[in-house]
């Protein structure tokens, strides 16, 4: 199912106006691609050390050609961050709709998750401030590949997702291949939100069980890419806005 998801996202991006790749950036936490518009994505892997920028010879000429690398096998990548750069290119190609609202996705968790069973896939910084004692939510579970105190290991997903009323899933699951399996575990009536700067505003995701897309748009490429190059995480990257788009 995961390859189907990626193919549908790529198909959505291919309907937009293509342009030449004019700039890429790889930082300790994020990557970015520019070509007319700019897009960003979370870097692959937990090693935040510096990696070389891809050479112009190794980069596809256009955003769409770079975006197509999202379907390449991980062991066939021309660069360690090739798939992250491909997702950033998809985000550059796929503009948010006019009806998207400017607010952080975590705000929807509080608004829609009150009194409900909530699962967050990915240890976002905001989970440290969320209620884990049942005062706001009926229950709150955080699934994480590298669990911190209070988190559940990611392999416990089958035990908690089918009971969840509201599920927030990190957009990095588009890169690590786990999104399809996670969506399959969610109830049809659950409110599923895909969350984070990697999330594309792709309408096809609404056909696959996602109800809300909470991603980001780059308004100031110069500032955003400078902050990414400096190794800053998304919350500290200037020139970006968080937007949410809920299924019409």
Protein backbone atom coordinates (compact mmCIF):
# COMPACT_ATOMS: atom_id res chain seq x y z
CA UNK A 1 0.00 0.00 0.00
CA UNK A 2 2.86 2.37 0.72
CA UNK A 3 4.02 2.44 -2.90
CA UNK A 4 0.45 3.21 -3.94
CA UNK A 5 0.38 6.16 -1.55
CA UNK A 6 3.64 7.53 -2.94
CA UNK A 7 2.49 7.03 -6.52
CA UNK A 8 -0.74 8.93 -5.86
CA UNK A 9 1.12 11.79 -4.17
CA UNK A 10 3.52 11.95 -7.11
CA UNK A 11 0.60 11.97 -9.55
CA UNK A 12 -0.91 14.95 -7.71
CA UNK A 13 2.41 16.79 -7.93
CA UNK A 14 2.78 16.03 -11.64
CA UNK A 15 -0.37 18.03 -12.37
CA UNK A 16 1.31 21.21 -11.15
CA UNK A 17 3.61 23.53 -13.11
CA UNK A 18 7.12 22.08 -13.20
CA UNK A 19 10.29 24.15 -13.02
CA UNK A 20 14.06 23.77 -12.89
CA UNK A 21 15.74 22.89 -9.61
CA UNK A 22 17.57 26.06 -8.61
CA UNK A 23 18.70 25.29 -5.05
CA UNK A 24 18.94 22.47 -2.53
CA UNK A 25 19.93 22.51 1.11
CA UNK A 26 20.64 19.71 3.60
CA UNK A 27 20.81 20.55 7.28
CA UNK A 28 21.05 18.61 10.49
CA UNK A 29 17.27 18.26 10.77
CA UNK A 30 15.70 19.39 7.51
CA UNK A 31 16.21 19.47 3.75
CA UNK A 32 14.91 21.95 1.22
CA UNK A 33 14.44 22.21 -2.54
CA UNK A 34 13.66 25.33 -4.56
CA UNK A 35 12.59 25.84 -8.15
CA UNK A 36 10.04 28.60 -8.54
CA UNK A 37 8.42 27.58 -5.26
CA UNK A 38 10.29 25.98 -2.36
CA UNK A 39 9.49 22.87 -0.36
CA UNK A 40 10.97 21.30 2.75
CA UNK A 41 11.00 17.90 4.42
CA UNK A 42 12.46 16.26 7.50
CA UNK A 43 15.86 14.70 7.03
CA UNK A 44 16.09 10.91 6.91
CA UNK A 45 17.77 9.14 9.81
CA UNK A 46 18.80 9.98 13.35
CA UNK A 47 22.39 10.95 12.47
CA UNK A 48 22.28 14.74 12.31
CA UNK A 49 25.87 15.15 11.17
CA UNK A 50 26.67 17.21 8.12
CA UNK A 51 26.28 15.52 4.74
CA UNK A 52 27.55 16.88 1.42
CA UNK A 53 25.18 18.73 -0.87
CA UNK A 54 24.31 16.73 -3.99
CA UNK A 55 26.32 17.83 -7.00
CA UNK A 56 24.56 19.50 -9.89
CA UNK A 57 25.51 16.51 -12.02
CA UNK A 58 23.71 14.12 -9.66
CA UNK A 59 20.56 16.24 -9.39
CA UNK A 60 17.69 15.91 -11.85
CA UNK A 61 17.09 19.05 -13.88
CA UNK A 62 13.50 19.71 -12.78
CA UNK A 63 11.39 19.51 -9.64
CA UNK A 64 9.23 16.73 -11.07
CA UNK A 65 12.23 14.63 -12.08
CA UNK A 66 13.60 15.01 -8.55
CA UNK A 67 10.17 14.23 -7.08
CA UNK A 68 10.07 10.96 -9.03
CA UNK A 69 12.97 9.68 -6.92
CA UNK A 70 10.48 9.19 -4.08
CA UNK A 71 9.72 5.82 -5.73
CA UNK A 72 13.36 4.73 -5.95
CA UNK A 73 14.45 1.89 -3.64
CA UNK A 74 16.27 3.16 -0.57
CA UNK A 75 19.40 1.20 -1.50
CA UNK A 76 19.38 2.69 -5.01
CA UNK A 77 19.58 6.31 -3.90
CA UNK A 78 22.07 8.65 -5.54
CA UNK A 79 22.45 10.49 -2.22
CA UNK A 80 21.67 9.49 1.41
CA UNK A 81 18.93 12.14 1.49
CA UNK A 82 17.61 11.51 -2.03
CA UNK A 83 14.13 10.50 -0.89
CA UNK A 84 13.88 13.40 1.54
CA UNK A 85 14.88 15.77 -1.26
CA UNK A 86 12.28 14.10 -3.48
CA UNK A 87 9.57 14.72 -0.89
CA UNK A 88 10.70 18.34 -0.55
CA UNK A 89 10.39 18.64 -4.33
CA UNK A 90 6.86 17.24 -4.13
CA UNK A 91 6.06 19.85 -1.49
CA UNK A 92 7.50 22.56 -3.73
CA UNK A 93 5.26 21.38 -6.57
CA UNK A 94 2.10 20.96 -4.49
CA UNK A 95 0.81 24.30 -3.19
CA UNK A 96 -1.62 24.42 -0.27
CA UNK A 97 -5.24 25.11 -1.22
CA UNK A 98 -6.77 28.50 -0.51
CA UNK A 99 -9.04 26.96 2.12
CA UNK A 100 -6.09 25.80 4.25
CA UNK A 101 -5.97 27.48 7.66
CA UNK A 102 -2.87 28.94 9.27
CA UNK A 103 -2.41 27.19 12.59
CA UNK A 104 -0.18 24.49 14.06
CA UNK A 105 -1.46 20.98 13.65
CA UNK A 106 -1.03 20.18 17.33
CA UNK A 107 -3.78 22.68 18.09
CA UNK A 108 -6.24 20.33 16.39
CA UNK A 109 -5.21 17.52 18.71
CA UNK A 110 -6.37 19.57 21.69
CA UNK A 111 -9.50 20.77 19.90
CA UNK A 112 -10.66 17.40 18.55
CA UNK A 113 -9.08 14.99 21.02
CA UNK A 114 -10.68 16.17 24.26
CA UNK A 115 -12.23 13.25 26.12
CA UNK A 116 -11.09 10.83 23.41
CA UNK A 117 -8.46 8.15 22.96
CA UNK A 118 -5.55 9.87 21.19
CA UNK A 119 -2.46 8.34 19.60
CA UNK A 120 0.48 10.39 18.31
CA UNK A 121 2.90 8.58 16.01
CA UNK A 122 6.27 10.29 16.39
CA UNK A 123 7.72 12.09 19.40
CA UNK A 124 7.07 15.69 18.40
CA UNK A 125 8.46 18.37 20.73
CA UNK A 126 4.94 19.38 21.73
CA UNK A 127 4.14 16.00 23.27
CA UNK A 128 6.22 17.01 26.30
CA UNK A 129 3.54 19.58 27.07
CA UNK A 130 0.55 17.35 26.38
CA UNK A 131 -1.66 15.76 28.99
CA UNK A 132 -0.63 12.17 29.69
CA UNK A 133 -2.61 11.84 32.90
CA UNK A 134 -6.14 11.70 31.52
CA UNK A 135 -7.19 15.23 32.47
CA UNK A 136 -7.87 16.28 28.86
CA UNK A 137 -7.86 13.05 26.87
CA UNK A 138 -9.44 9.73 27.75
CA UNK A 139 -5.99 8.35 26.97
CA UNK A 140 -2.85 9.50 25.18
CA UNK A 141 -0.22 7.21 23.69
CA UNK A 142 2.91 8.25 21.81
CA UNK A 143 4.46 5.70 19.45
CA UNK A 144 8.12 6.27 18.60
CA UNK A 145 10.85 4.33 16.77
CA UNK A 146 13.34 5.54 19.40
CA UNK A 147 11.04 5.76 22.44
CA UNK A 148 11.71 8.22 25.24
CA UNK A 149 10.34 7.89 28.77
CA UNK A 150 6.57 7.56 28.57
CA UNK A 151 6.55 6.58 24.88
CA UNK A 152 5.57 3.23 23.43
CA UNK A 153 7.82 1.43 20.94
CA UNK A 154 6.58 1.78 17.37
CA UNK A 155 6.01 -1.97 17.14
CA UNK A 156 3.14 -1.62 19.65
CA UNK A 157 1.03 0.19 17.04
CA UNK A 158 -1.30 -2.75 16.46
CA UNK A 159 -2.23 -2.70 20.14
CA UNK A 160 -3.27 0.95 20.35
CA UNK A 161 -4.24 2.34 16.94
CA UNK A 162 -7.46 0.30 16.53
CA UNK A 163 -8.76 1.85 19.79
CA UNK A 164 -7.85 5.43 18.87
CA UNK A 165 -10.47 8.09 18.11
CA UNK A 166 -7.89 10.67 16.99
CA UNK A 167 -4.54 9.78 15.43
CA UNK A 168 -1.74 12.20 14.53
CA UNK A 169 0.93 10.58 12.34
CA UNK A 170 4.28 12.14 11.54
CA UNK A 171 4.87 12.90 7.88
CA UNK A 172 8.22 11.12 8.06
CA UNK A 173 6.27 7.87 7.73
CA UNK A 174 6.13 8.77 4.03
CA UNK A 175 9.91 8.35 4.00
CA UNK A 176 10.38 5.28 6.19
CA UNK A 177 7.67 3.22 4.49
CA UNK A 178 5.39 2.78 7.49
CA UNK A 179 2.43 5.02 6.62
CA UNK A 180 0.42 2.40 4.74
CA UNK A 181 0.57 -0.09 7.59
CA UNK A 182 -0.35 2.54 10.16
CA UNK A 183 -3.37 3.72 8.19
CA UNK A 184 -4.54 0.13 7.86
CA UNK A 185 -4.64 -0.15 11.67
CA UNK A 186 -6.80 2.97 12.15
CA UNK A 187 -10.57 2.66 12.45
CA UNK A 188 -12.59 4.05 9.51
CA UNK A 189 -14.31 6.51 11.87
CA UNK A 190 -11.08 7.76 13.48
CA UNK A 191 -9.89 11.29 12.73
CA UNK A 192 -6.46 10.73 11.20
CA UNK A 193 -4.13 13.69 10.77
CA UNK A 194 -0.81 13.61 8.92
CA UNK A 195 1.45 16.10 10.67
CA UNK A 196 4.77 17.83 10.11
CA UNK A 197 6.78 19.81 7.55
CA UNK A 198 7.19 16.75 5.32
CA UNK A 199 3.44 16.49 4.71
CA UNK A 200 2.37 17.34 1.15
CA UNK A 201 -0.99 19.01 0.53
CA UNK A 202 -1.96 16.12 -1.71
CA UNK A 203 -5.73 15.55 -2.05
CA UNK A 204 -5.17 11.88 -2.81
CA UNK A 205 -4.30 11.32 0.84
CA UNK A 206 -7.95 12.02 1.68
CA UNK A 207 -8.87 8.89 -0.28
CA UNK A 208 -6.61 6.74 1.89
CA UNK A 209 -8.04 7.39 5.33
CA UNK A 210 -6.42 10.73 6.18
CA UNK A 211 -8.86 13.47 7.21
CA UNK A 212 -6.48 16.37 7.94
CA UNK A 213 -3.17 17.41 6.38
CA UNK A 214 -1.03 19.59 8.65
CA UNK A 215 2.05 20.69 6.74
CA UNK A 216 4.12 23.75 6.01
CA UNK A 217 4.65 26.33 3.31
CA UNK A 218 7.83 28.30 2.60
CA UNK A 219 7.29 32.04 2.13
CA UNK A 220 10.91 33.20 2.40
CA UNK A 221 13.33 30.78 0.79
CA UNK A 222 16.45 32.74 1.72
CA UNK A 223 15.75 32.79 5.45
CA UNK A 224 14.30 29.27 5.55
CA UNK A 225 17.22 27.67 3.72
CA UNK A 226 19.78 29.59 5.78
CA UNK A 227 18.21 28.26 8.97
CA UNK A 228 18.04 24.73 7.57
CA UNK A 229 21.72 24.91 6.59
CA UNK A 230 22.51 26.08 10.13
CA UNK A 231 21.00 22.85 11.48
CA UNK A 232 17.88 24.32 13.04
CA UNK A 233 14.78 22.14 13.56
CA UNK A 234 11.55 23.13 11.87
CA UNK A 235 10.15 25.10 14.80
CA UNK A 236 13.17 27.44 14.55
CA UNK A 237 13.14 27.83 10.76
CA UNK A 238 12.13 31.32 9.68
CA UNK A 239 10.17 32.07 6.54
CA UNK A 240 7.72 29.20 6.97
CA UNK A 241 4.12 28.84 8.08
CA UNK A 242 2.19 25.87 9.45
CA UNK A 243 -1.08 25.20 7.63
CA UNK A 244 -3.87 22.66 8.07
CA UNK A 245 -6.29 21.40 5.45
CA UNK A 246 -9.20 19.20 6.48
CA UNK A 247 -11.05 17.01 4.01
CA UNK A 248 -13.90 19.02 2.48
